[in-house]
N, C-alpha and C. Protein backbone atom coordinates (compact mmCIF):
# COMPACT_ATOMS: atom_id res chain seq x y z
N UNK A 1 -4.92 14.20 55.52
CA UNK A 1 -5.80 13.15 55.35
C UNK A 1 -6.51 13.27 54.08
N UNK A 2 -6.99 12.07 53.59
CA UNK A 2 -7.72 11.99 52.30
C UNK A 2 -9.17 12.60 52.35
N UNK A 3 -9.59 13.06 51.24
CA UNK A 3 -10.99 13.50 51.29
C UNK A 3 -11.78 12.20 51.33
N UNK A 4 -12.96 12.34 51.97
CA UNK A 4 -13.84 11.26 52.04
C UNK A 4 -14.94 11.21 50.94
N UNK A 5 -15.08 9.98 50.41
CA UNK A 5 -16.05 9.70 49.51
C UNK A 5 -17.45 9.34 50.17
N UNK A 6 -18.46 9.76 49.69
CA UNK A 6 -19.70 9.31 50.26
C UNK A 6 -19.98 7.72 49.88
N UNK A 7 -20.17 6.97 50.86
CA UNK A 7 -20.47 5.59 50.59
C UNK A 7 -21.62 5.37 49.73
N UNK A 8 -21.60 4.51 48.78
CA UNK A 8 -22.72 4.20 47.97
C UNK A 8 -23.08 2.79 48.26
N UNK A 9 -24.41 2.44 47.83
CA UNK A 9 -24.95 1.13 48.13
C UNK A 9 -24.04 0.01 47.56
N UNK A 10 -23.42 0.21 46.39
CA UNK A 10 -22.65 -0.77 45.74
C UNK A 10 -21.35 -0.94 46.60
N UNK A 11 -20.84 0.10 47.09
CA UNK A 11 -19.54 0.06 47.96
C UNK A 11 -19.91 -0.85 49.22
N UNK A 12 -21.03 -0.55 49.84
CA UNK A 12 -21.42 -1.30 51.02
C UNK A 12 -21.70 -2.76 50.73
N UNK A 13 -22.23 -3.13 49.59
CA UNK A 13 -22.44 -4.40 49.21
C UNK A 13 -21.26 -5.25 48.84
N UNK A 14 -20.08 -4.47 48.66
CA UNK A 14 -18.88 -5.17 48.25
C UNK A 14 -17.90 -5.31 49.44
N UNK A 15 -18.38 -4.89 50.72
CA UNK A 15 -17.57 -5.13 51.83
C UNK A 15 -17.58 -6.48 52.26
N UNK A 16 -16.47 -6.99 52.74
CA UNK A 16 -16.36 -8.38 53.07
C UNK A 16 -16.69 -8.56 54.57
N UNK A 17 -16.85 -9.73 55.11
CA UNK A 17 -17.19 -9.95 56.55
C UNK A 17 -16.10 -9.31 57.34
N UNK A 18 -14.89 -9.44 56.92
CA UNK A 18 -13.76 -8.82 57.72
C UNK A 18 -13.84 -7.26 57.80
N UNK A 19 -14.24 -6.71 56.67
CA UNK A 19 -14.37 -5.19 56.55
C UNK A 19 -15.50 -4.85 57.50
N UNK A 20 -16.77 -5.58 57.55
CA UNK A 20 -17.81 -5.21 58.47
C UNK A 20 -17.31 -5.47 59.92
N UNK A 21 -16.55 -6.45 60.16
CA UNK A 21 -16.11 -6.73 61.57
C UNK A 21 -15.29 -5.52 62.04
N UNK A 22 -14.32 -5.17 61.13
CA UNK A 22 -13.46 -4.04 61.60
C UNK A 22 -14.33 -2.85 61.74
N UNK A 23 -15.29 -2.51 60.91
CA UNK A 23 -16.09 -1.39 61.14
C UNK A 23 -16.83 -1.48 62.35
N UNK A 24 -17.34 -2.55 62.67
CA UNK A 24 -18.09 -2.75 63.93
C UNK A 24 -17.18 -2.57 65.08
N UNK A 25 -15.98 -3.02 65.03
CA UNK A 25 -15.03 -2.86 66.15
C UNK A 25 -14.77 -1.42 66.39
N UNK A 26 -14.66 -0.58 65.21
CA UNK A 26 -14.53 0.80 65.36
C UNK A 26 -15.68 1.55 65.94
N UNK A 27 -16.83 0.82 65.86
CA UNK A 27 -18.18 1.48 66.41
C UNK A 27 -17.95 1.39 67.99
N UNK A 28 -17.13 0.46 68.40
CA UNK A 28 -16.91 0.42 69.97
C UNK A 28 -16.05 1.52 70.42
N UNK A 29 -15.31 2.20 69.49
CA UNK A 29 -14.40 3.30 69.92
C UNK A 29 -13.17 3.42 68.97
N UNK A 30 -12.54 4.50 69.02
CA UNK A 30 -11.29 4.74 68.20
C UNK A 30 -10.34 3.61 68.45
N UNK A 31 -9.65 3.26 67.46
CA UNK A 31 -8.54 2.16 67.61
C UNK A 31 -7.66 2.11 66.51
N UNK A 32 -6.54 1.34 66.66
CA UNK A 32 -5.50 1.26 65.65
C UNK A 32 -5.56 -0.32 65.21
N UNK A 33 -4.88 -0.55 64.05
CA UNK A 33 -4.91 -1.74 63.49
C UNK A 33 -4.48 -2.95 64.31
N UNK A 34 -3.37 -2.72 65.04
CA UNK A 34 -2.89 -3.80 65.93
C UNK A 34 -3.81 -4.15 66.99
N UNK A 35 -4.42 -3.17 67.67
CA UNK A 35 -5.53 -3.39 68.58
C UNK A 35 -6.78 -4.12 68.03
N UNK A 36 -7.10 -3.86 66.91
CA UNK A 36 -8.24 -4.45 66.26
C UNK A 36 -7.84 -5.86 65.97
N UNK A 37 -6.69 -6.10 65.42
CA UNK A 37 -6.15 -7.44 65.13
C UNK A 37 -6.14 -8.32 66.30
N UNK A 38 -5.82 -7.77 67.46
CA UNK A 38 -5.80 -8.52 68.84
C UNK A 38 -7.12 -9.01 69.05
N UNK A 39 -8.14 -8.14 68.83
CA UNK A 39 -9.61 -8.57 69.22
C UNK A 39 -10.04 -9.82 68.38
N UNK A 40 -9.42 -9.86 67.17
CA UNK A 40 -9.86 -11.02 66.24
C UNK A 40 -8.82 -12.13 66.27
N UNK A 41 -7.92 -12.13 67.07
CA UNK A 41 -6.82 -13.14 67.09
C UNK A 41 -7.36 -14.22 67.97
N UNK A 42 -6.77 -15.44 67.94
CA UNK A 42 -7.05 -16.67 68.84
C UNK A 42 -6.85 -16.03 70.27
N UNK A 43 -7.88 -16.27 71.09
CA UNK A 43 -7.84 -15.78 72.45
C UNK A 43 -8.16 -14.34 72.61
N UNK A 44 -8.51 -13.70 71.56
CA UNK A 44 -9.03 -12.27 71.64
C UNK A 44 -10.51 -12.28 71.90
N UNK A 45 -11.08 -11.17 72.07
CA UNK A 45 -12.54 -11.14 72.40
C UNK A 45 -13.54 -11.66 71.38
N UNK A 46 -13.01 -11.63 70.19
CA UNK A 46 -13.93 -12.19 69.08
C UNK A 46 -13.32 -13.38 68.29
N UNK A 47 -12.18 -13.72 68.65
CA UNK A 47 -11.34 -14.66 67.76
C UNK A 47 -12.09 -15.99 67.71
N UNK A 48 -13.05 -16.29 68.61
CA UNK A 48 -13.82 -17.75 68.50
C UNK A 48 -14.71 -17.66 67.45
N UNK A 49 -15.16 -16.41 67.06
CA UNK A 49 -16.27 -16.26 66.06
C UNK A 49 -15.59 -15.97 64.64
N UNK A 50 -14.67 -15.11 64.60
CA UNK A 50 -13.98 -14.62 63.37
C UNK A 50 -12.65 -14.28 63.63
N UNK A 51 -11.77 -15.00 62.85
CA UNK A 51 -10.28 -14.55 62.95
C UNK A 51 -9.92 -13.69 61.82
N UNK A 52 -9.16 -12.57 62.12
CA UNK A 52 -8.66 -11.67 61.09
C UNK A 52 -7.17 -11.44 61.39
N UNK A 53 -6.44 -11.77 60.43
CA UNK A 53 -4.90 -11.55 60.57
C UNK A 53 -4.61 -10.07 60.39
N UNK A 54 -3.50 -9.69 61.01
CA UNK A 54 -3.15 -8.24 61.11
C UNK A 54 -3.22 -7.56 59.52
N UNK A 55 -2.44 -8.22 58.63
CA UNK A 55 -2.57 -7.65 57.22
C UNK A 55 -4.02 -7.53 56.68
N UNK A 56 -4.89 -8.36 57.06
CA UNK A 56 -6.27 -8.23 56.63
C UNK A 56 -6.92 -7.09 57.27
N UNK A 57 -6.59 -6.75 58.65
CA UNK A 57 -7.17 -5.67 59.33
C UNK A 57 -6.65 -4.35 58.65
N UNK A 58 -5.46 -4.24 58.29
CA UNK A 58 -4.98 -3.15 57.65
C UNK A 58 -5.59 -2.84 56.17
N UNK A 59 -5.81 -3.88 55.55
CA UNK A 59 -6.59 -3.81 54.28
C UNK A 59 -7.97 -3.40 54.50
N UNK A 60 -8.67 -3.93 55.58
CA UNK A 60 -10.02 -3.55 55.67
C UNK A 60 -10.08 -2.03 56.22
N UNK A 61 -9.08 -1.58 57.05
CA UNK A 61 -9.10 -0.11 57.27
C UNK A 61 -8.85 0.72 56.07
N UNK A 62 -8.06 0.16 55.15
CA UNK A 62 -7.98 0.99 53.92
C UNK A 62 -9.17 0.99 53.10
N UNK A 63 -9.93 -0.12 52.92
CA UNK A 63 -11.17 -0.16 52.27
C UNK A 63 -12.18 0.75 52.82
N UNK A 64 -12.23 0.70 54.19
CA UNK A 64 -13.26 1.46 54.92
C UNK A 64 -12.89 3.05 54.80
N UNK A 65 -11.66 3.34 54.80
CA UNK A 65 -11.22 4.78 54.69
C UNK A 65 -11.58 5.22 53.22
N UNK A 66 -11.25 4.37 52.31
CA UNK A 66 -11.59 4.67 50.85
C UNK A 66 -13.03 4.93 50.62
N UNK A 67 -13.85 4.09 51.37
CA UNK A 67 -15.28 4.17 51.14
C UNK A 67 -15.95 5.29 52.00
N UNK A 68 -15.09 6.03 52.80
CA UNK A 68 -15.70 7.14 53.55
C UNK A 68 -16.38 6.83 54.80
N UNK A 69 -16.10 5.46 55.28
CA UNK A 69 -16.81 4.96 56.49
C UNK A 69 -15.99 5.03 57.76
N UNK A 70 -14.65 5.20 57.50
CA UNK A 70 -13.64 5.41 58.66
C UNK A 70 -12.71 6.47 58.15
N UNK A 71 -12.05 6.92 59.19
CA UNK A 71 -10.96 7.97 58.83
C UNK A 71 -9.85 7.89 59.99
N UNK A 72 -8.69 8.23 59.51
CA UNK A 72 -7.59 8.39 60.51
C UNK A 72 -7.75 9.63 61.23
N UNK A 73 -7.50 9.57 62.62
CA UNK A 73 -7.77 10.71 63.39
C UNK A 73 -6.58 11.19 64.13
N UNK A 74 -5.54 10.38 64.16
CA UNK A 74 -4.35 10.83 64.89
C UNK A 74 -3.31 9.65 64.81
N UNK A 75 -1.97 10.02 65.14
CA UNK A 75 -0.96 9.06 65.26
C UNK A 75 -0.55 9.00 66.67
N UNK A 76 -0.18 7.76 67.06
CA UNK A 76 0.22 7.50 68.40
C UNK A 76 1.64 6.77 68.42
N UNK A 77 2.46 7.00 69.30
CA UNK A 77 3.67 6.24 69.31
C UNK A 77 3.48 4.64 69.47
N UNK A 78 4.11 3.87 68.80
CA UNK A 78 3.93 2.43 68.88
C UNK A 78 4.74 1.99 70.15
N UNK A 79 4.50 0.93 70.83
CA UNK A 79 5.12 0.41 71.95
C UNK A 79 6.61 0.05 71.68
N UNK A 80 6.88 -0.62 70.50
CA UNK A 80 8.24 -0.86 70.15
C UNK A 80 8.51 -0.83 68.66
N UNK A 81 7.71 -0.02 67.98
CA UNK A 81 7.72 0.01 66.56
C UNK A 81 7.28 1.40 65.96
N UNK A 82 6.87 1.44 64.82
CA UNK A 82 6.46 2.72 64.17
C UNK A 82 5.27 3.28 64.86
N UNK A 83 5.01 4.55 64.45
CA UNK A 83 3.82 5.25 64.90
C UNK A 83 2.52 4.44 64.50
N UNK A 84 1.54 4.48 65.21
CA UNK A 84 0.33 3.75 64.92
C UNK A 84 -0.82 4.82 64.59
N UNK A 85 -1.47 4.58 63.51
CA UNK A 85 -2.59 5.43 63.12
C UNK A 85 -3.85 4.91 63.77
N UNK A 86 -4.52 5.88 64.39
CA UNK A 86 -5.77 5.65 65.12
C UNK A 86 -6.98 6.02 64.21
N UNK A 87 -7.91 5.12 64.12
CA UNK A 87 -9.05 5.26 63.14
C UNK A 87 -10.38 5.42 63.95
N UNK A 88 -11.32 6.12 63.41
CA UNK A 88 -12.63 6.27 63.97
C UNK A 88 -13.67 6.23 62.94
N UNK A 89 -14.85 5.95 63.25
CA UNK A 89 -15.94 5.97 62.21
C UNK A 89 -16.23 7.33 61.84
N UNK A 90 -16.73 7.47 60.50
CA UNK A 90 -17.32 8.81 60.11
C UNK A 90 -18.86 8.67 60.36
N UNK A 91 -19.57 9.74 60.31
CA UNK A 91 -21.10 9.60 60.50
C UNK A 91 -21.57 8.54 59.49
N UNK A 92 -21.07 8.52 58.27
CA UNK A 92 -21.51 7.56 57.27
C UNK A 92 -21.28 6.08 57.83
N UNK A 93 -20.09 5.87 58.40
CA UNK A 93 -19.64 4.55 58.82
C UNK A 93 -20.55 4.15 60.09
N UNK A 94 -20.93 5.06 60.91
CA UNK A 94 -21.77 4.71 62.08
C UNK A 94 -23.03 4.36 61.63
N UNK A 95 -23.72 5.01 60.57
CA UNK A 95 -24.94 4.68 60.02
C UNK A 95 -25.00 3.34 59.39
N UNK A 96 -23.90 3.07 58.65
CA UNK A 96 -23.76 1.85 57.90
C UNK A 96 -23.55 0.67 58.77
N UNK A 97 -22.83 0.73 59.83
CA UNK A 97 -22.63 -0.39 60.69
C UNK A 97 -23.92 -0.73 61.50
N UNK A 98 -24.59 0.34 61.84
CA UNK A 98 -25.93 0.16 62.56
C UNK A 98 -26.98 -0.58 61.67
N UNK A 99 -27.03 -0.16 60.41
CA UNK A 99 -27.82 -0.90 59.55
C UNK A 99 -27.44 -2.34 59.30
N UNK A 100 -26.02 -2.51 59.20
CA UNK A 100 -25.53 -3.92 59.14
C UNK A 100 -25.83 -4.78 60.27
N UNK A 101 -25.73 -4.18 61.47
CA UNK A 101 -25.89 -4.96 62.77
C UNK A 101 -27.29 -5.48 62.79
N UNK A 102 -28.35 -4.78 62.29
CA UNK A 102 -29.70 -5.24 62.41
C UNK A 102 -30.18 -5.81 61.05
N UNK A 103 -29.48 -6.01 60.27
CA UNK A 103 -29.98 -6.68 58.98
C UNK A 103 -29.72 -8.17 59.08
N UNK A 104 -30.71 -8.90 58.76
CA UNK A 104 -30.60 -10.43 58.77
C UNK A 104 -29.70 -10.92 57.71
N UNK A 105 -29.06 -11.92 57.93
CA UNK A 105 -28.18 -12.43 56.86
C UNK A 105 -29.06 -13.02 55.78
N UNK A 106 -28.71 -12.96 54.60
CA UNK A 106 -29.47 -13.37 53.50
C UNK A 106 -29.12 -14.79 52.92
N UNK A 107 -27.95 -15.14 53.27
CA UNK A 107 -27.33 -16.47 52.84
C UNK A 107 -27.17 -17.39 53.93
N UNK A 108 -27.64 -18.62 53.87
CA UNK A 108 -27.48 -19.56 55.05
C UNK A 108 -26.07 -19.68 55.55
N UNK A 109 -25.09 -19.69 54.73
CA UNK A 109 -23.74 -19.89 55.13
C UNK A 109 -23.31 -18.64 55.94
N UNK A 110 -23.84 -17.54 55.75
CA UNK A 110 -23.33 -16.44 56.50
C UNK A 110 -23.84 -16.47 58.01
N UNK A 111 -24.75 -17.40 58.36
CA UNK A 111 -25.21 -17.49 59.73
C UNK A 111 -24.04 -17.80 60.60
N UNK A 112 -23.09 -18.53 60.09
CA UNK A 112 -21.86 -18.96 60.80
C UNK A 112 -20.89 -17.84 61.22
N UNK A 113 -20.90 -16.88 60.18
CA UNK A 113 -19.95 -15.73 60.46
C UNK A 113 -20.67 -14.45 60.75
N UNK A 114 -21.28 -13.98 59.75
CA UNK A 114 -22.04 -12.61 59.95
C UNK A 114 -22.91 -12.53 61.12
N UNK A 115 -23.85 -13.52 61.06
CA UNK A 115 -24.85 -13.46 62.13
C UNK A 115 -24.25 -13.59 63.52
N UNK A 116 -23.33 -14.51 63.73
CA UNK A 116 -22.69 -14.60 65.01
C UNK A 116 -21.88 -13.31 65.34
N UNK A 117 -21.27 -12.71 64.41
CA UNK A 117 -20.51 -11.44 64.69
C UNK A 117 -21.53 -10.28 65.08
N UNK A 118 -22.57 -10.19 64.33
CA UNK A 118 -23.67 -9.18 64.63
C UNK A 118 -24.10 -9.38 66.17
N UNK A 119 -24.40 -10.59 66.46
CA UNK A 119 -24.93 -10.89 67.84
C UNK A 119 -23.83 -10.58 68.88
N UNK A 120 -22.57 -10.90 68.60
CA UNK A 120 -21.56 -10.63 69.58
C UNK A 120 -21.44 -9.04 69.61
N UNK A 121 -21.30 -8.35 68.66
CA UNK A 121 -21.18 -6.94 68.84
C UNK A 121 -22.41 -6.39 69.46
N UNK A 122 -23.61 -6.78 69.14
CA UNK A 122 -24.76 -6.26 69.88
C UNK A 122 -24.65 -6.45 71.38
N UNK A 123 -24.20 -7.64 71.55
CA UNK A 123 -24.19 -8.21 73.00
C UNK A 123 -23.09 -7.30 73.79
N UNK A 124 -21.92 -7.09 73.12
CA UNK A 124 -20.88 -6.35 73.77
C UNK A 124 -21.28 -4.83 74.05
N UNK A 125 -22.17 -4.31 73.12
CA UNK A 125 -22.48 -2.96 73.24
C UNK A 125 -23.71 -2.83 74.26
N UNK A 126 -24.27 -3.89 74.71
CA UNK A 126 -25.47 -3.90 75.46
C UNK A 126 -26.78 -3.49 74.68
N UNK A 127 -26.70 -3.58 73.47
CA UNK A 127 -27.89 -3.19 72.48
C UNK A 127 -28.82 -4.31 72.37
N UNK A 128 -30.07 -4.03 72.22
CA UNK A 128 -31.16 -5.08 72.04
C UNK A 128 -30.89 -5.79 70.78
N UNK A 129 -30.62 -7.13 70.85
CA UNK A 129 -30.45 -7.87 69.60
C UNK A 129 -31.79 -8.57 69.19
N UNK A 130 -32.96 -8.43 69.81
CA UNK A 130 -34.07 -9.05 69.51
C UNK A 130 -34.63 -8.66 68.16
N UNK A 131 -34.52 -7.38 67.74
CA UNK A 131 -35.04 -7.07 66.40
C UNK A 131 -34.21 -7.82 65.30
N UNK A 132 -33.01 -8.01 65.47
CA UNK A 132 -32.15 -8.80 64.56
C UNK A 132 -32.67 -10.27 64.64
N UNK A 133 -32.84 -10.79 65.69
CA UNK A 133 -33.26 -12.25 65.82
C UNK A 133 -34.55 -12.45 65.16
N UNK A 134 -35.56 -11.41 65.39
CA UNK A 134 -36.88 -11.58 64.81
C UNK A 134 -36.84 -11.51 63.30
N UNK A 135 -36.12 -10.50 62.81
CA UNK A 135 -35.90 -10.56 61.27
C UNK A 135 -35.16 -11.83 60.77
N UNK A 136 -34.18 -12.34 61.50
CA UNK A 136 -33.49 -13.38 61.03
C UNK A 136 -34.36 -14.73 61.06
N UNK A 137 -35.16 -14.70 62.13
CA UNK A 137 -36.14 -15.87 62.21
C UNK A 137 -37.02 -15.90 60.98
N UNK A 138 -37.63 -14.64 60.61
CA UNK A 138 -38.52 -14.68 59.40
C UNK A 138 -37.83 -15.14 58.20
N UNK A 139 -36.52 -14.69 58.00
CA UNK A 139 -35.77 -14.95 56.71
C UNK A 139 -35.60 -16.49 56.76
N UNK A 140 -35.02 -17.05 57.81
CA UNK A 140 -34.77 -18.46 57.90
C UNK A 140 -36.10 -19.35 57.70
N UNK A 141 -37.18 -18.82 58.20
CA UNK A 141 -38.44 -19.57 57.93
C UNK A 141 -38.79 -19.55 56.51
N UNK A 142 -38.67 -18.47 55.90
CA UNK A 142 -38.93 -18.33 54.39
C UNK A 142 -38.04 -19.22 53.66
N UNK A 143 -36.73 -19.27 53.89
CA UNK A 143 -35.76 -20.07 53.22
C UNK A 143 -36.11 -21.56 53.42
N UNK A 144 -36.54 -21.80 54.69
CA UNK A 144 -36.84 -23.39 54.97
C UNK A 144 -38.14 -23.71 54.18
N UNK A 145 -39.14 -22.75 54.14
CA UNK A 145 -40.29 -23.09 53.36
C UNK A 145 -40.02 -23.24 51.96
N UNK A 146 -39.20 -22.45 51.39
CA UNK A 146 -38.80 -22.62 49.84
C UNK A 146 -38.10 -23.92 49.67
N UNK A 147 -37.04 -24.22 50.53
CA UNK A 147 -36.28 -25.49 50.36
C UNK A 147 -37.21 -26.61 50.49
N UNK A 148 -38.03 -26.69 51.44
CA UNK A 148 -38.99 -27.76 51.73
C UNK A 148 -39.95 -27.99 50.45
N UNK A 149 -40.33 -26.93 49.87
CA UNK A 149 -41.18 -27.04 48.63
C UNK A 149 -40.40 -27.61 47.41
N UNK A 150 -39.02 -27.43 47.43
CA UNK A 150 -38.24 -27.94 46.40
C UNK A 150 -37.75 -29.43 46.54
N UNK A 151 -37.91 -29.88 47.80
CA UNK A 151 -37.31 -31.23 48.03
C UNK A 151 -37.83 -32.27 47.32
N UNK A 152 -39.25 -32.38 47.10
CA UNK A 152 -39.65 -33.65 46.46
C UNK A 152 -39.19 -33.71 44.95
N UNK A 153 -38.87 -32.57 44.40
CA UNK A 153 -38.50 -32.56 42.92
C UNK A 153 -37.08 -32.83 42.69
N UNK A 154 -36.29 -32.62 43.73
CA UNK A 154 -34.78 -32.68 43.54
C UNK A 154 -34.28 -34.19 43.55
N UNK A 155 -33.29 -34.40 42.64
CA UNK A 155 -32.63 -35.65 42.56
C UNK A 155 -31.16 -35.56 42.37
N UNK A 156 -30.39 -36.63 42.61
CA UNK A 156 -29.00 -36.65 42.30
C UNK A 156 -28.19 -35.56 43.04
N UNK A 157 -27.28 -34.94 42.47
CA UNK A 157 -26.32 -33.93 43.07
C UNK A 157 -27.25 -32.81 43.66
N UNK A 158 -28.16 -32.48 42.78
CA UNK A 158 -29.08 -31.29 43.22
C UNK A 158 -29.67 -31.65 44.67
N UNK A 159 -30.07 -32.82 44.74
CA UNK A 159 -30.69 -33.23 46.08
C UNK A 159 -29.72 -33.07 47.20
N UNK A 160 -28.47 -33.55 46.93
CA UNK A 160 -27.45 -33.50 48.03
C UNK A 160 -27.31 -32.00 48.46
N UNK A 161 -27.19 -31.18 47.39
CA UNK A 161 -26.96 -29.72 47.86
C UNK A 161 -28.17 -29.12 48.56
N UNK A 162 -29.40 -29.47 48.06
CA UNK A 162 -30.63 -29.08 48.71
C UNK A 162 -30.72 -29.48 50.08
N UNK A 163 -30.51 -30.80 50.35
CA UNK A 163 -30.61 -31.46 51.60
C UNK A 163 -29.61 -30.65 52.58
N UNK A 164 -28.34 -30.33 52.21
CA UNK A 164 -27.37 -29.62 53.01
C UNK A 164 -28.02 -28.19 53.35
N UNK A 165 -28.56 -27.56 52.39
CA UNK A 165 -29.07 -26.23 52.62
C UNK A 165 -30.30 -26.41 53.56
N UNK A 166 -31.14 -27.27 53.39
CA UNK A 166 -32.30 -27.55 54.20
C UNK A 166 -31.88 -27.63 55.69
N UNK A 167 -30.92 -28.56 55.86
CA UNK A 167 -30.46 -28.76 57.31
C UNK A 167 -29.80 -27.53 57.84
N UNK A 168 -29.16 -26.79 57.13
CA UNK A 168 -28.67 -25.52 57.54
C UNK A 168 -29.64 -24.54 57.87
N UNK A 169 -30.73 -24.46 57.20
CA UNK A 169 -31.90 -23.53 57.46
C UNK A 169 -32.53 -23.97 58.79
N UNK A 170 -32.64 -25.25 58.98
CA UNK A 170 -33.34 -25.78 60.17
C UNK A 170 -32.42 -25.47 61.37
N UNK A 171 -31.18 -25.69 61.34
CA UNK A 171 -30.28 -25.40 62.43
C UNK A 171 -30.17 -23.91 62.67
N UNK A 172 -30.27 -23.16 61.64
CA UNK A 172 -30.19 -21.58 61.89
C UNK A 172 -31.45 -21.17 62.51
N UNK A 173 -32.59 -21.75 62.19
CA UNK A 173 -33.82 -21.44 62.81
C UNK A 173 -33.91 -21.81 64.24
N UNK A 174 -33.45 -23.06 64.49
CA UNK A 174 -33.19 -23.54 65.86
C UNK A 174 -32.47 -22.63 66.75
N UNK A 175 -31.32 -22.22 66.17
CA UNK A 175 -30.31 -21.38 66.85
C UNK A 175 -31.00 -20.07 67.37
N UNK A 176 -31.70 -19.38 66.32
CA UNK A 176 -32.32 -18.12 66.52
C UNK A 176 -33.50 -18.37 67.59
N UNK A 177 -34.25 -19.34 67.44
CA UNK A 177 -35.33 -19.64 68.35
C UNK A 177 -34.80 -19.85 69.75
N UNK A 178 -33.81 -20.46 69.89
CA UNK A 178 -33.11 -20.69 71.17
C UNK A 178 -32.73 -19.38 71.89
N UNK A 179 -32.07 -18.53 71.04
CA UNK A 179 -31.68 -17.37 71.66
C UNK A 179 -32.84 -16.35 71.92
N UNK A 180 -33.90 -16.40 71.13
CA UNK A 180 -35.02 -15.63 71.49
C UNK A 180 -35.65 -16.16 72.81
N UNK A 181 -35.82 -17.50 73.01
CA UNK A 181 -36.40 -18.05 74.24
C UNK A 181 -35.55 -17.70 75.46
N UNK A 182 -34.07 -17.79 75.26
CA UNK A 182 -33.29 -17.54 76.50
C UNK A 182 -33.27 -16.07 76.76
N UNK A 183 -33.38 -15.19 75.85
CA UNK A 183 -33.28 -13.87 75.99
C UNK A 183 -31.78 -13.49 76.20
N UNK A 184 -31.48 -12.23 76.80
CA UNK A 184 -30.05 -11.90 77.05
C UNK A 184 -29.59 -12.34 78.36
N UNK A 185 -30.40 -12.92 79.16
CA UNK A 185 -30.01 -13.34 80.46
C UNK A 185 -28.88 -14.39 80.55
N UNK A 186 -28.73 -15.08 79.54
CA UNK A 186 -27.65 -16.11 79.41
C UNK A 186 -26.36 -15.56 78.84
N UNK A 187 -26.34 -14.39 78.25
CA UNK A 187 -25.27 -13.94 77.57
C UNK A 187 -24.34 -13.19 78.41
């Protein structure tokens, strides 16, 4: 096995949504690439939220291993093909995924992917997602306040972009408010 590098802040900030999704899947237990890819396939447990093709899963596992967040733990026979490598989180990976799961998304467009993935993983594990929702509500409210303050000055193409972001901030805030109001009883 390769020696593990200690993850650095820059490495974590360079992880893609798919990398984080694979890391969070490993937080649910040891797994191999084919099994993780099935989770994110159409009809898989999380395919409605985020689809990851098998080659992307293997690239993500490589990134996570190189970053010291995951490690190969054993080989298993494949059902009808080559040996499968089973991966698990390292302690650094467990710490990183926990921090990611509870950190609000900082870009409005990531509400569609990262926020929904975080909520799905927290729900699947039975963890309390209220801290994430409260932090996300605060972030969306600040973004909305900033955008509303900019609205009167914007014209032309800038106004088109601003109005799109403004409506996304409002929708994100409504989504979070609804989940907070419903609690976990409906999930």
